[in-house]
Structure formats: structure tokens, C-alpha cells
Protein backbone atom coordinates (compact mmCIF):
# COMPACT_ATOMS: atom_id res chain seq x y z
CA MET A 1 -25.38 19.36 10.27
CA LYS A 2 -22.02 19.39 12.08
CA LYS A 3 -21.45 15.75 11.12
CA PHE A 4 -22.18 16.57 7.48
CA ILE A 5 -19.69 19.46 7.48
CA LEU A 6 -17.08 17.26 9.18
CA LEU A 7 -17.65 14.55 6.57
CA ILE A 8 -17.19 17.09 3.76
CA ALA A 9 -13.99 18.43 5.40
CA VAL A 10 -12.53 14.91 5.75
CA ALA A 11 -13.35 14.10 2.11
CA CYS A 12 -11.71 17.33 0.93
CA TYR A 13 -8.61 16.64 3.04
CA ALA A 14 -8.34 13.12 1.58
CA ASN A 15 -8.53 14.58 -1.94
CA ILE A 16 -5.80 17.10 -1.14
CA LEU A 17 -3.54 14.32 0.18
CA GLN A 18 -4.13 12.26 -2.96
CA ALA A 19 -3.36 15.28 -5.17
CA GLN A 20 -0.11 15.89 -3.27
CA LYS A 21 1.12 12.33 -3.81
CA LEU A 22 4.89 12.06 -3.45
CA PRO A 23 6.76 12.06 -6.79
CA CYS A 24 8.38 8.67 -6.10
CA SER A 25 5.28 6.86 -4.85
CA ASN A 26 4.77 5.00 -8.13
CA VAL A 27 5.15 1.23 -7.70
CA VAL A 28 8.24 1.13 -9.95
CA TYR A 29 10.19 3.05 -7.28
CA ARG A 30 9.47 0.23 -4.82
CA GLN A 31 11.03 -2.57 -6.92
CA PHE A 32 14.28 -2.45 -4.92
CA ASP A 33 12.65 -2.24 -1.48
CA PHE A 34 13.66 -5.87 -0.83
CA TRP A 35 17.13 -4.48 -0.02
CA ILE A 36 15.95 -2.09 2.70
CA GLY A 37 17.13 -3.05 6.18
CA GLU A 38 20.29 -3.84 8.11
CA TRP A 39 22.47 -6.64 6.79
CA GLU A 40 25.62 -8.64 7.37
CA ALA A 41 27.36 -9.59 4.13
CA PHE A 42 29.38 -12.78 3.69
CA GLY A 43 31.72 -13.91 0.91
CA ILE A 44 31.37 -17.29 -0.77
CA ASN A 45 34.00 -18.61 1.67
CA GLY A 46 31.56 -17.90 4.52
CA LYS A 47 33.75 -15.15 5.99
CA LYS A 48 32.02 -11.92 6.98
CA ALA A 49 32.82 -9.18 4.46
CA GLY A 50 30.97 -6.27 6.07
CA ASP A 51 27.83 -4.61 7.30
CA SER A 52 25.36 -2.69 5.21
CA LYS A 53 22.51 -0.42 6.28
CA ILE A 54 19.97 0.29 3.55
CA SER A 55 17.40 3.05 4.04
CA VAL A 56 15.00 5.16 2.01
CA ILE A 57 15.65 8.92 1.93
CA LEU A 58 14.49 12.07 0.14
CA ASP A 59 10.73 11.37 0.19
CA SER A 60 11.23 7.73 -0.85
CA CYS A 61 13.11 8.66 -4.04
CA ILE A 62 16.55 7.34 -3.04
CA ILE A 63 17.65 4.02 -1.58
CA LEU A 64 20.80 4.79 0.41
CA GLU A 65 23.39 2.11 1.16
CA GLU A 66 25.94 2.64 3.94
CA TRP A 67 28.65 -0.03 3.77
CA THR A 68 31.46 -0.77 6.24
CA SER A 69 33.95 -3.60 5.70
CA ALA A 70 34.52 -6.17 8.43
CA SER A 71 38.29 -5.97 8.28
CA VAL A 72 40.96 -3.28 8.30
CA GLN A 73 43.52 -3.29 5.48
CA SER A 74 46.56 -1.01 5.43
CA GLY A 75 45.15 0.84 8.44
CA LEU A 76 41.85 1.64 6.69
CA ARG A 77 38.39 0.23 7.35
CA TYR A 78 36.87 0.46 3.91
CA ALA A 79 33.50 2.24 3.82
CA GLY A 80 31.23 3.64 1.16
CA LYS A 81 27.76 4.78 0.22
CA SER A 82 25.61 4.14 -2.79
CA PHE A 83 22.65 6.15 -4.00
CA ASN A 84 20.10 4.11 -5.94
CA THR A 85 17.10 5.52 -7.75
CA TYR A 86 14.72 4.85 -10.58
CA ASN A 87 15.13 7.40 -13.38
CA ALA A 88 11.63 7.94 -14.79
CA ALA A 89 12.99 9.75 -17.87
CA THR A 90 15.21 6.82 -18.98
CA LYS A 91 13.10 4.11 -17.33
CA GLN A 92 16.29 2.71 -15.78
CA TRP A 93 17.55 2.04 -12.29
CA GLN A 94 20.77 3.90 -11.53
CA GLN A 95 23.45 3.65 -8.85
CA THR A 96 26.30 5.96 -7.88
CA TRP A 97 28.88 4.55 -5.44
CA VAL A 98 31.46 6.60 -3.52
CA ASP A 99 33.96 5.39 -0.92
CA ASN A 100 36.62 6.47 1.57
CA ALA A 101 39.44 5.28 -0.72
CA GLY A 102 38.62 7.86 -3.40
CA GLY A 103 36.76 5.36 -5.57
CA THR A 104 33.55 5.84 -7.50
CA ASN A 105 31.40 3.64 -9.72
CA GLU A 106 28.42 4.68 -11.75
CA TYR A 107 25.77 2.42 -13.18
CA LEU A 108 23.40 4.32 -15.45
CA GLN A 109 21.62 1.27 -16.81
CA GLY A 110 19.58 -0.91 -14.51
CA LYS A 111 16.47 -3.00 -14.78
CA PHE A 112 14.20 -5.04 -12.54
CA GLU A 113 13.34 -8.51 -13.79
CA ASN A 114 12.86 -11.96 -12.25
CA ASN A 115 13.15 -10.63 -8.69
CA GLN A 116 16.51 -8.99 -9.48
CA ILE A 117 17.93 -5.54 -9.99
CA ILE A 118 20.61 -5.79 -12.69
CA TYR A 119 22.95 -2.83 -13.15
CA SER A 120 25.53 -2.32 -15.88
CA SER A 121 28.09 0.39 -16.36
CA THR A 122 29.08 2.17 -19.51
CA PRO A 123 32.47 1.10 -20.93
CA PHE A 124 35.46 2.54 -19.07
CA ASN A 125 39.26 2.41 -19.35
CA PHE A 126 40.40 -0.53 -17.26
CA SER A 127 44.01 -0.20 -18.37
CA LYS A 128 45.95 1.50 -21.14
CA ASP A 129 44.79 -1.01 -23.76
CA THR A 130 41.62 -2.42 -22.21
CA MET A 131 38.05 -1.18 -21.99
CA ALA A 132 35.75 -2.88 -19.48
CA ILE A 133 32.11 -3.04 -18.42
CA ARG A 134 30.86 -3.83 -14.92
CA LYS A 135 27.64 -5.65 -14.09
CA MET A 136 26.12 -5.89 -10.63
CA THR A 137 23.13 -8.08 -9.83
CA PHE A 138 21.03 -8.02 -6.65
CA THR A 139 18.87 -11.14 -6.33
CA ASN A 140 16.08 -11.29 -3.77
CA LEU A 141 16.39 -14.81 -2.35
CA SER A 142 13.97 -14.38 0.58
CA HIS A 143 12.90 -11.75 3.10
CA ASN A 144 16.07 -12.44 5.09
CA LYS A 145 18.60 -13.15 2.33
CA LEU A 146 19.82 -11.68 -0.94
CA ARG A 147 22.81 -12.03 -3.23
CA GLN A 148 24.96 -9.21 -4.63
CA HIS A 149 27.13 -10.42 -7.51
CA GLY A 150 29.66 -8.07 -9.12
CA GLU A 151 31.20 -8.99 -12.46
CA ILE A 152 33.53 -7.41 -15.00
CA SER A 153 33.93 -7.97 -18.74
CA LYS A 154 37.00 -6.93 -20.68
CA ASP A 155 35.64 -8.15 -24.05
CA ASN A 156 32.48 -6.04 -24.41
CA GLY A 157 30.24 -8.45 -22.50
CA VAL A 158 31.21 -11.67 -24.29
CA SER A 159 32.62 -13.19 -21.08
CA TRP A 160 32.38 -12.17 -17.41
CA SER A 161 34.64 -12.63 -14.37
CA THR A 162 33.40 -12.40 -10.80
CA GLU A 163 34.84 -9.48 -8.81
CA TYR A 164 32.82 -10.29 -5.67
CA ASP A 165 29.93 -12.49 -4.66
CA LEU A 166 28.17 -11.61 -1.42
CA GLU A 167 25.31 -13.15 0.50
CA TYR A 168 23.44 -10.58 2.56
CA ARG A 169 21.77 -11.88 5.73
CA ARG A 170 19.27 -9.64 7.45
CA LYS A 171 20.30 -8.67 10.98
CA GLU A 172 17.86 -9.75 13.62
CA LYS A 173 16.22 -6.91 15.48
CA GLY A 174 17.14 -7.10 19.09
């Protein structure tokens, strides 16, 4: 009889856990998990650009990036954080970037396709007479490597110029 009661209690507990499923446990929230980890980022010239630690926070709803540049410029080691999440209402990936130089970028449109997360910004004033759009693509190349490619268009997406092109290499655990 005790075993039967224990079995019933375990089954009820399992049902409670299933009913209390985390809000961001849907598989769509895991599309960007290939970025999670600790990375060294290198420019196309092979020179180290920085280090990036990517973790999951807030009950798996946010992918947090913590970036630090490899070099110091004008007495400042550039650093920033990005907050990445899937917006279930708009069915879009979104990123907000903030840094220690007072800069911010916001990408409200993002999609997962072909093993990539592709973000795009809304048009913004680049200069007095020029509107621009930014696009940022994360490509999962392997478990230990990915590409982050940042581009800008000053003609409403007709042509694109590279702003940065980084290869992320997973740090070995040691």
C-alpha cells in the first residue's frame, strides 16, 4: 500500500512540474543556444578582437552577451552587453546592445533560418541626409566556431557594406 501511495505522489508531482513549465521552454527559444559559451573573437585579419561570454539568464528567457575588446583605444577597453530574446508576440528574435562608450543598438526584427540568426534594425539617422539600416548575422559553423557579420545599408537595403566580420572560437575548458 505504501508503494502505491508513493507511486501516486510521484505521478502527481510530475504533473505539477509539467504544468509549471517555464515560459521560455518552447523549442523556439533554444534556436540561438549555439552561441552559449565562452569565446574568443577574431577579425578576418586573424587578429584577436575580443572575448565574449554568452549565458542564459532569467529562467532561460534571455541570452546575455558580455563582450570585452582585446585592445585599449584612447585609454578605454571597449565593453558591452547584449540581451537577446525571442518575442513570442511578434514571432521575432530581438537584440538590445549597450556599451561603455554610451552606444546602443536595437534590432527588433530577427529570424532563425539555415542555421543562422539574422537581425535587422529599423531605419535610423546615420547622418544629416542619410538613413541607414543595420543587419547582423550569426552563423553556426560548428560546435566550436561561429561567424558574426555586421553590415550597414545606406540605400534601404539595396547594397550592404561590412562593418565587422568576426569568427568566434570556443574557449577550451581548462
